[in-house]
């Protein structure tokens, strides 16, 4: 008598594995903090009033209307605004009518309820969630990491438990079958390994095994896609931390761009003309610091490094080229090598503000990466950002023609997606 795995046990095992793979991405769907980090933290500080791209959420439930307003706003803010809701239009106007992501279809009602519960909870000292900076400094000493169990560990533990149970039940079944055979005077079953038994079972159920392998293969490809979708350079999705390196000079964007209101284009002069924003030369620094020789915080210490780089003697007011020592600035915002990004296309044609990608630089003492800069983040931006058509004759004609063509059929926005902004070759070639 052949010693196969029982059909009931096999079906239960396959069903359990199938369910595990199908829903492993949602094992922590009700983790409000995790959902907030993945979808909201790049624009909002959770338990402080710090403004990033959007307003800080401290005290938001004291300001917002009661009932299910908050849930409706998170799921589809555009629908709430179009409904004529007074408070929705007020905050939309106060935040310069910046579009917020529409999460309807992406988040469930339970996901949103989990986020709301997280926002209502008292602040917890966890990096990236409640600190004054949404993306804390990378590599700081004594940094804490929020304790959580990875889905992979649960999957591995589940597989180990199933394997132990199968081995135990198989031994019991074999012993009972052999005892029954001995009682009836029949020979005992041939002693084969678990893997031989599994192979024999698969040979007898090739069609079913083939279908399951195809399904699992597609799930694996989907998991790979999701993983690639969130790949970023120097950005940790778990801790919501971006890159924040120490520069050769303690340059404060807050002092220069914030307090003194120096335009970004003055130092990053090629941002409107090239794909690269450009790094300022020491000559740009000397335009001001030939006269400004002391800073409000470090005195002449840091400005002295500029003079050293330029070979400048502040006492004599002369330059010595033999003493020049070029500055080596450390790039903060990095994209993978296979990604093409053009600053001028976004800043000039798209009329995108610097802070959309770089955060509120005017408040930064040390420049740091605020946005994840992942493919998912860019695609979501292309899906929600409307094309800047005003004053552009080409787009005026295009928009007019499309409005006539689809008149009465669609009520859509002319977003970057509609003009090919999601085509792979736009960024990868």
Protein backbone atom coordinates (compact mmCIF):
# COMPACT_ATOMS: atom_id res chain seq x y z
CA UNK A 1 0.00 0.00 0.00
CA UNK A 2 1.47 3.35 -1.10
CA UNK A 3 2.16 5.80 1.66
CA UNK A 4 0.85 9.14 0.29
CA UNK A 5 0.12 12.32 2.20
CA UNK A 6 -3.60 12.40 2.94
CA UNK A 7 -5.57 14.50 0.47
CA UNK A 8 -7.16 16.54 3.27
CA UNK A 9 -3.78 17.39 4.80
CA UNK A 10 -2.33 18.37 1.40
CA UNK A 11 -5.27 20.62 0.57
CA UNK A 12 -5.10 22.30 3.97
CA UNK A 13 -1.36 22.91 3.57
CA UNK A 14 -1.67 24.39 0.07
CA UNK A 15 -4.63 26.55 1.07
CA UNK A 16 -2.70 27.90 4.07
CA UNK A 17 0.39 28.69 1.97
CA UNK A 18 -1.75 30.29 -0.74
CA UNK A 19 -3.55 32.46 1.79
CA UNK A 20 -0.28 33.43 3.44
CA UNK A 21 1.33 34.53 0.17
CA UNK A 22 -1.81 36.28 -1.04
CA UNK A 23 -2.22 38.38 2.06
CA UNK A 24 1.28 38.73 3.48
CA UNK A 25 1.45 42.35 2.28
CA UNK A 26 -1.53 43.16 4.48
CA UNK A 27 -0.43 41.39 7.65
CA UNK A 28 0.06 44.75 9.30
CA UNK A 29 -2.71 46.62 7.47
CA UNK A 30 -4.15 47.85 10.72
CA UNK A 31 -0.85 49.26 12.00
CA UNK A 32 -1.75 52.95 11.95
CA UNK A 33 1.81 54.14 12.54
CA UNK A 34 3.15 52.07 9.66
CA UNK A 35 0.39 53.20 7.30
CA UNK A 36 1.05 56.81 8.27
CA UNK A 37 4.79 56.44 7.63
CA UNK A 38 4.23 54.88 4.22
CA UNK A 39 1.59 57.30 2.95
CA UNK A 40 1.50 60.52 4.97
CA UNK A 41 4.82 61.19 6.73
CA UNK A 42 6.52 62.77 3.70
CA UNK A 43 4.02 65.66 3.83
CA UNK A 44 2.81 65.80 7.45
CA UNK A 45 4.36 65.66 10.91
CA UNK A 46 2.13 63.40 13.02
CA UNK A 47 2.17 64.85 16.52
CA UNK A 48 3.79 68.27 16.06
CA UNK A 49 2.67 71.48 14.40
CA UNK A 50 5.72 71.60 12.09
CA UNK A 51 4.74 72.36 8.50
CA UNK A 52 6.46 70.22 5.88
CA UNK A 53 4.65 70.14 2.53
CA UNK A 54 1.35 70.02 4.40
CA UNK A 55 0.46 71.30 7.88
CA UNK A 56 1.50 69.55 11.09
CA UNK A 57 -1.26 67.38 12.55
CA UNK A 58 -0.93 68.32 16.21
CA UNK A 59 -4.41 69.24 17.46
CA UNK A 60 -6.00 68.44 14.11
CA UNK A 61 -9.05 66.84 15.73
CA UNK A 62 -9.74 70.04 17.66
CA UNK A 63 -9.77 71.98 14.38
CA UNK A 64 -11.50 69.59 12.00
CA UNK A 65 -15.28 68.95 11.87
CA UNK A 66 -16.53 66.02 13.93
CA UNK A 67 -18.13 62.78 12.76
CA UNK A 68 -16.69 60.96 9.74
CA UNK A 69 -15.25 64.12 8.16
CA UNK A 70 -11.64 63.12 8.77
CA UNK A 71 -12.13 59.69 7.22
CA UNK A 72 -13.78 61.19 4.13
CA UNK A 73 -11.01 63.78 3.83
CA UNK A 74 -8.21 61.20 3.97
CA UNK A 75 -9.87 58.86 1.47
CA UNK A 76 -10.78 61.50 -1.11
CA UNK A 77 -10.03 65.11 -0.25
CA UNK A 78 -10.87 66.25 -3.79
CA UNK A 79 -14.43 64.98 -3.43
CA UNK A 80 -14.84 66.78 -0.09
CA UNK A 81 -13.53 70.04 -1.58
CA UNK A 82 -15.81 69.79 -4.63
CA UNK A 83 -18.79 69.18 -2.36
CA UNK A 84 -18.44 72.78 -1.15
CA UNK A 85 -17.40 71.85 2.40
CA UNK A 86 -16.42 75.15 4.05
CA UNK A 87 -13.59 73.81 6.24
CA UNK A 88 -12.13 71.69 3.41
CA UNK A 89 -11.97 74.70 1.09
CA UNK A 90 -10.51 76.84 3.89
CA UNK A 91 -7.52 74.59 4.54
CA UNK A 92 -7.11 73.93 0.80
CA UNK A 93 -6.75 77.69 0.25
CA UNK A 94 -4.52 78.20 3.29
CA UNK A 95 -2.06 75.60 1.92
CA UNK A 96 -1.75 77.27 -1.48
CA UNK A 97 -4.18 74.79 -3.07
CA UNK A 98 -1.54 72.06 -3.07
CA UNK A 99 -3.05 68.75 -4.15
CA UNK A 100 -3.15 65.99 -1.54
CA UNK A 101 -3.03 62.34 -2.53
CA UNK A 102 -6.36 60.57 -3.05
CA UNK A 103 -6.23 57.29 -1.10
CA UNK A 104 -9.65 55.94 -2.07
CA UNK A 105 -9.05 52.49 -3.54
CA UNK A 106 -5.56 52.36 -2.01
CA UNK A 107 -6.51 52.38 1.68
CA UNK A 108 -9.49 50.63 3.22
CA UNK A 109 -11.84 52.13 5.79
CA UNK A 110 -10.08 50.09 8.49
CA UNK A 111 -6.68 51.40 7.34
CA UNK A 112 -7.90 54.99 7.66
CA UNK A 113 -9.43 54.26 11.07
CA UNK A 114 -6.06 52.85 12.18
CA UNK A 115 -4.31 56.05 11.01
CA UNK A 116 -6.87 58.21 12.85
CA UNK A 117 -6.40 56.13 16.01
CA UNK A 118 -2.63 56.59 15.71
CA UNK A 119 -3.00 60.37 15.34
CA UNK A 120 -5.31 60.51 18.36
CA UNK A 121 -2.83 58.56 20.53
CA UNK A 122 -0.42 60.50 22.77
CA UNK A 123 3.01 61.13 21.19
CA UNK A 124 5.54 58.32 21.57
CA UNK A 125 9.27 58.92 21.41
CA UNK A 126 9.81 57.10 18.12
CA UNK A 127 12.08 58.32 15.31
CA UNK A 128 10.37 59.68 12.25
CA UNK A 129 6.91 59.93 13.78
CA UNK A 130 6.69 62.57 16.49
CA UNK A 131 10.00 64.34 16.54
CA UNK A 132 10.32 67.88 15.25
CA UNK A 133 11.82 66.46 12.08
CA UNK A 134 9.78 63.97 10.11
CA UNK A 135 13.00 62.48 8.72
CA UNK A 136 15.50 62.43 11.61
CA UNK A 137 19.24 62.43 11.23
CA UNK A 138 20.78 59.25 9.86
CA UNK A 139 23.38 57.47 11.93
CA UNK A 140 22.88 59.49 15.10
CA UNK A 141 24.26 57.82 18.20
CA UNK A 142 21.85 55.97 20.41
CA UNK A 143 19.09 56.06 17.83
CA UNK A 144 16.07 53.96 18.66
CA UNK A 145 14.18 51.80 16.24
CA UNK A 146 10.51 51.10 16.59
CA UNK A 147 10.03 47.47 17.54
CA UNK A 148 8.09 45.49 15.00
CA UNK A 149 7.99 41.99 13.63
CA UNK A 150 8.78 41.63 9.94
CA UNK A 151 6.24 39.73 7.82
CA UNK A 152 9.09 37.52 6.53
CA UNK A 153 9.74 36.23 10.05
CA UNK A 154 6.07 35.35 10.47
CA UNK A 155 6.10 33.49 7.14
CA UNK A 156 9.23 31.52 8.12
CA UNK A 157 7.79 30.70 11.55
CA UNK A 158 4.54 29.58 9.94
CA UNK A 159 6.38 27.29 7.50
CA UNK A 160 8.48 25.78 10.32
CA UNK A 161 5.36 25.08 12.41
CA UNK A 162 3.55 23.51 9.44
CA UNK A 163 6.59 21.34 8.69
CA UNK A 164 6.77 20.12 12.30
CA UNK A 165 3.05 19.34 12.38
CA UNK A 166 3.21 17.49 9.04
CA UNK A 167 6.19 15.45 10.22
CA UNK A 168 4.41 14.57 13.46
CA UNK A 169 1.11 13.62 11.80
CA UNK A 170 2.95 11.62 9.16
CA UNK A 171 4.77 9.57 11.79
CA UNK A 172 1.52 8.92 13.69
CA UNK A 173 -0.32 7.94 10.52
CA UNK A 174 2.49 5.61 9.40
CA UNK A 175 2.66 3.93 12.83
CA UNK A 176 -1.12 3.42 12.93
CA UNK A 177 -1.21 2.07 9.36
CA UNK A 178 1.61 -0.40 10.09
CA UNK A 179 -0.09 -1.52 13.30
CA UNK A 180 -3.29 -2.19 11.35
CA UNK A 181 -1.34 -4.09 8.67
CA UNK A 182 0.33 -6.28 11.31
CA UNK A 183 -3.02 -7.03 12.91
CA UNK A 184 -4.35 -8.17 9.52
CA UNK A 185 -1.21 -10.16 8.69
CA UNK A 186 -0.21 -7.76 5.92
CA UNK A 187 3.32 -6.50 5.27
CA UNK A 188 4.25 -3.10 6.66
CA UNK A 189 4.40 -0.12 4.29
CA UNK A 190 7.71 0.65 2.64
CA UNK A 191 9.71 3.16 4.66
CA UNK A 192 10.25 6.21 2.41
CA UNK A 193 11.36 9.73 3.22
CA UNK A 194 9.03 12.70 3.42
CA UNK A 195 10.52 14.19 0.25
CA UNK A 196 10.04 10.93 -1.68
CA UNK A 197 6.43 10.87 -0.53
CA UNK A 198 5.95 14.51 -1.53
CA UNK A 199 7.48 13.86 -4.95
CA UNK A 200 5.17 10.90 -5.51
CA UNK A 201 2.17 13.04 -4.56
CA UNK A 202 3.21 15.80 -6.96
CA UNK A 203 3.60 13.29 -9.79
CA UNK A 204 0.03 12.22 -9.24
CA UNK A 205 -1.27 15.82 -9.14
CA UNK A 206 0.78 17.50 -11.83
CA UNK A 207 -1.96 19.76 -13.11
CA UNK A 208 -2.80 21.11 -9.67
CA UNK A 209 0.89 21.59 -8.80
CA UNK A 210 1.47 23.41 -12.11
CA UNK A 211 -1.39 25.83 -11.49
CA UNK A 212 -0.14 26.54 -7.96
CA UNK A 213 3.41 27.17 -9.20
CA UNK A 214 2.10 29.65 -11.78
CA UNK A 215 0.05 31.47 -9.13
CA UNK A 216 2.97 31.59 -6.69
CA UNK A 217 5.26 32.74 -9.52
CA UNK A 218 2.98 35.66 -10.32
CA UNK A 219 2.78 36.52 -6.63
CA UNK A 220 6.55 36.47 -6.43
CA UNK A 221 6.82 38.83 -9.41
CA UNK A 222 4.24 41.13 -7.82
CA UNK A 223 6.25 41.13 -4.57
CA UNK A 224 9.42 41.98 -6.53
CA UNK A 225 7.58 44.83 -8.26
CA UNK A 226 6.34 46.20 -4.92
CA UNK A 227 9.85 45.99 -3.51
CA UNK A 228 11.38 47.81 -6.52
CA UNK A 229 8.58 50.38 -6.37
CA UNK A 230 9.87 51.57 -2.99
CA UNK A 231 13.61 51.47 -3.64
CA UNK A 232 15.28 54.77 -2.84
CA UNK A 233 18.86 55.89 -2.36
CA UNK A 234 19.75 56.67 1.28
CA UNK A 235 16.13 56.47 2.45
CA UNK A 236 14.89 53.99 5.01
CA UNK A 237 11.15 53.26 4.81
CA UNK A 238 11.19 51.53 8.19
CA UNK A 239 12.56 54.49 10.13
CA UNK A 240 11.46 57.23 7.69
CA UNK A 241 15.01 58.57 7.76
CA UNK A 242 16.67 60.34 4.87
CA UNK A 243 20.28 61.32 4.21
CA UNK A 244 21.74 64.13 6.34
CA UNK A 245 25.52 64.27 5.95
CA UNK A 246 27.88 66.71 7.63
CA UNK A 247 29.23 69.13 5.02
CA UNK A 248 32.80 70.51 4.89
CA UNK A 249 31.38 73.89 6.00
CA UNK A 250 28.49 74.30 8.42
CA UNK A 251 26.29 76.00 5.85
CA UNK A 252 22.80 76.90 7.10
CA UNK A 253 20.02 77.02 4.53
CA UNK A 254 17.82 78.53 7.24
CA UNK A 255 20.15 81.51 7.60
CA UNK A 256 20.73 82.06 3.89
CA UNK A 257 17.48 81.00 2.14
CA UNK A 258 15.18 81.56 5.14
CA UNK A 259 16.31 84.55 7.17
CA UNK A 260 18.14 86.39 4.38
CA UNK A 261 15.74 85.24 1.62
CA UNK A 262 18.44 84.39 -0.91
CA UNK A 263 16.78 82.72 -3.90
CA UNK A 264 17.67 79.07 -4.54
CA UNK A 265 18.65 79.97 -8.11
CA UNK A 266 21.41 82.31 -6.92
CA UNK A 267 23.56 79.44 -5.63
CA UNK A 268 22.09 76.63 -7.74
CA UNK A 269 22.36 78.67 -10.91
CA UNK A 270 21.79 75.90 -13.47
CA UNK A 271 18.51 74.62 -11.99
CA UNK A 272 16.47 76.44 -14.68
CA UNK A 273 18.79 75.59 -17.57
CA UNK A 274 20.07 72.06 -17.01
CA UNK A 275 19.04 68.65 -15.73
CA UNK A 276 21.34 69.31 -12.75
CA UNK A 277 20.71 72.01 -10.16
CA UNK A 278 24.44 72.61 -9.85
CA UNK A 279 26.68 73.05 -6.82
CA UNK A 280 27.79 76.62 -6.05
CA UNK A 281 31.45 77.42 -6.60
CA UNK A 282 33.48 79.15 -3.92
CA UNK A 283 33.33 82.29 -6.07
CA UNK A 284 29.55 82.41 -5.46
CA UNK A 285 30.22 82.33 -1.72
CA UNK A 286 32.85 85.05 -2.03
CA UNK A 287 30.41 87.40 -3.75
CA UNK A 288 28.90 87.98 -0.29
CA UNK A 289 31.56 86.84 2.13
CA UNK A 290 34.29 89.06 0.83
CA UNK A 291 32.45 91.68 2.85
CA UNK A 292 30.64 89.52 5.43
CA UNK A 293 33.50 88.06 7.44
CA UNK A 294 31.69 86.90 10.59
CA UNK A 295 28.61 84.74 11.00
CA UNK A 296 25.98 84.97 13.79
CA UNK A 297 26.75 81.53 15.23
CA UNK A 298 30.32 80.48 14.38
CA UNK A 299 31.95 83.87 14.00
CA UNK A 300 34.81 83.75 11.49
CA UNK A 301 35.52 80.01 11.92
CA UNK A 302 33.31 78.62 9.14
CA UNK A 303 33.68 81.65 6.87
CA UNK A 304 37.43 81.19 7.27
CA UNK A 305 37.08 77.84 5.53
CA UNK A 306 35.62 79.66 2.52
CA UNK A 307 38.63 82.00 2.46
CA UNK A 308 40.96 79.01 2.67
CA UNK A 309 39.19 77.33 -0.26
CA UNK A 310 39.39 80.51 -2.34
CA UNK A 311 42.98 81.32 -1.36
CA UNK A 312 41.76 84.66 0.00
CA UNK A 313 43.56 86.77 2.59
CA UNK A 314 40.86 88.82 4.39
CA UNK A 315 43.44 91.11 5.99
CA UNK A 316 44.96 92.16 2.66
CA UNK A 317 41.87 91.55 0.53
CA UNK A 318 43.94 89.61 -2.04
CA UNK A 319 43.76 86.17 -3.65
CA UNK A 320 46.59 83.66 -4.00
CA UNK A 321 45.82 80.91 -6.54
CA UNK A 322 48.60 78.72 -5.16
CA UNK A 323 46.69 78.46 -1.88
CA UNK A 324 43.31 77.53 -3.34
CA UNK A 325 41.71 74.38 -1.91
CA UNK A 326 38.39 73.53 -3.62
CA UNK A 327 35.48 72.55 -1.39
CA UNK A 328 34.11 69.02 -1.63
CA UNK A 329 30.39 69.29 -0.95
CA UNK A 330 28.49 66.07 -0.25
CA UNK A 331 25.45 65.47 -2.44
CA UNK A 332 22.32 64.94 -0.34
CA UNK A 333 19.60 64.09 -2.85
CA UNK A 334 20.56 61.09 -4.96
CA UNK A 335 18.71 59.02 -7.56
CA UNK A 336 19.72 55.57 -8.85
CA UNK A 337 22.08 55.64 -11.85
CA UNK A 338 19.42 54.25 -14.17
CA UNK A 339 17.04 57.14 -13.50
CA UNK A 340 16.94 60.28 -15.67
CA UNK A 341 15.69 63.43 -13.96
CA UNK A 342 15.73 66.94 -15.42
CA UNK A 343 15.52 69.88 -13.03
CA UNK A 344 14.79 72.48 -15.71
CA UNK A 345 11.89 70.42 -17.06
CA UNK A 346 10.25 70.35 -13.63
CA UNK A 347 11.14 73.85 -12.41
CA UNK A 348 10.57 75.83 -15.63
CA UNK A 349 8.03 73.81 -17.63
CA UNK A 350 6.27 72.09 -14.74
CA UNK A 351 6.52 75.12 -12.42
CA UNK A 352 7.23 72.78 -9.49
CA UNK A 353 8.40 74.47 -6.29
CA UNK A 354 11.76 73.33 -4.89
CA UNK A 355 10.11 72.37 -1.59
CA UNK A 356 7.90 69.79 -3.29
CA UNK A 357 10.87 67.43 -3.58
CA UNK A 358 13.37 68.91 -1.14
CA UNK A 359 11.07 69.79 1.74
CA UNK A 360 11.12 73.09 3.63
CA UNK A 361 14.80 73.84 2.99
CA UNK A 362 14.38 77.37 4.34
CA UNK A 363 13.99 75.91 7.83
CA UNK A 364 16.96 73.49 7.62
CA UNK A 365 20.19 74.17 9.45
CA UNK A 366 21.65 71.01 7.92
CA UNK A 367 20.34 70.00 4.49
CA UNK A 368 18.58 66.65 4.62
CA UNK A 369 16.47 64.41 2.41
CA UNK A 370 12.81 64.80 3.28
CA UNK A 371 11.07 62.94 0.44
CA UNK A 372 11.74 59.25 -0.35
CA UNK A 373 12.42 59.99 -4.07
CA UNK A 374 11.29 56.48 -4.99
CA UNK A 375 9.56 55.41 -8.19
CA UNK A 376 6.29 55.11 -6.29
CA UNK A 377 6.64 58.64 -4.97
CA UNK A 378 7.38 60.06 -8.44
CA UNK A 379 4.55 58.14 -10.11
CA UNK A 380 2.03 59.32 -7.52
CA UNK A 381 3.18 62.89 -8.14
CA UNK A 382 2.71 62.48 -11.91
CA UNK A 383 -0.76 61.09 -11.32
CA UNK A 384 -1.96 64.02 -9.21
CA UNK A 385 -0.01 67.00 -10.61
CA UNK A 386 -1.84 68.96 -13.27
CA UNK A 387 0.07 70.21 -16.30
CA UNK A 388 0.92 73.92 -16.01
CA UNK A 389 -0.86 75.11 -19.16
CA UNK A 390 -1.44 78.76 -18.44
CA UNK A 391 0.54 80.93 -20.84
CA UNK A 392 1.71 77.94 -22.89
CA UNK A 393 0.22 78.12 -26.37
CA UNK A 394 1.04 74.50 -27.21
CA UNK A 395 -0.80 73.14 -24.19
CA UNK A 396 -3.66 75.61 -24.68
CA UNK A 397 -4.36 74.14 -28.11
CA UNK A 398 -3.91 70.59 -26.87
CA UNK A 399 -6.22 71.11 -23.91
CA UNK A 400 -8.90 72.75 -26.05
CA UNK A 401 -8.81 69.89 -28.56
CA UNK A 402 -9.06 67.25 -25.84
CA UNK A 403 -11.95 69.06 -24.14
CA UNK A 404 -13.88 69.03 -27.39
CA UNK A 405 -13.01 65.40 -28.09
CA UNK A 406 -14.13 64.11 -24.70
CA UNK A 407 -16.86 66.67 -24.02
CA UNK A 408 -19.54 65.15 -21.78
CA UNK A 409 -17.68 61.84 -21.46
CA UNK A 410 -15.08 62.42 -18.79
CA UNK A 411 -14.45 64.83 -15.96
CA UNK A 412 -10.70 64.41 -15.72
CA UNK A 413 -7.78 66.62 -14.84
CA UNK A 414 -4.99 67.13 -17.36
CA UNK A 415 -2.29 65.60 -15.18
CA UNK A 416 1.26 64.66 -16.16
CA UNK A 417 0.03 61.07 -16.43
CA UNK A 418 -2.33 62.06 -19.26
CA UNK A 419 0.55 63.34 -21.42
CA UNK A 420 2.74 60.26 -21.04
CA UNK A 421 4.22 60.92 -17.61
CA UNK A 422 4.05 57.23 -16.67
CA UNK A 423 5.83 55.89 -19.75
CA UNK A 424 8.90 53.91 -18.67
CA UNK A 425 11.17 55.53 -21.27
CA UNK A 426 10.53 58.99 -19.82
CA UNK A 427 12.83 58.21 -16.90
CA UNK A 428 14.61 54.99 -17.92
CA UNK A 429 16.44 54.68 -21.23
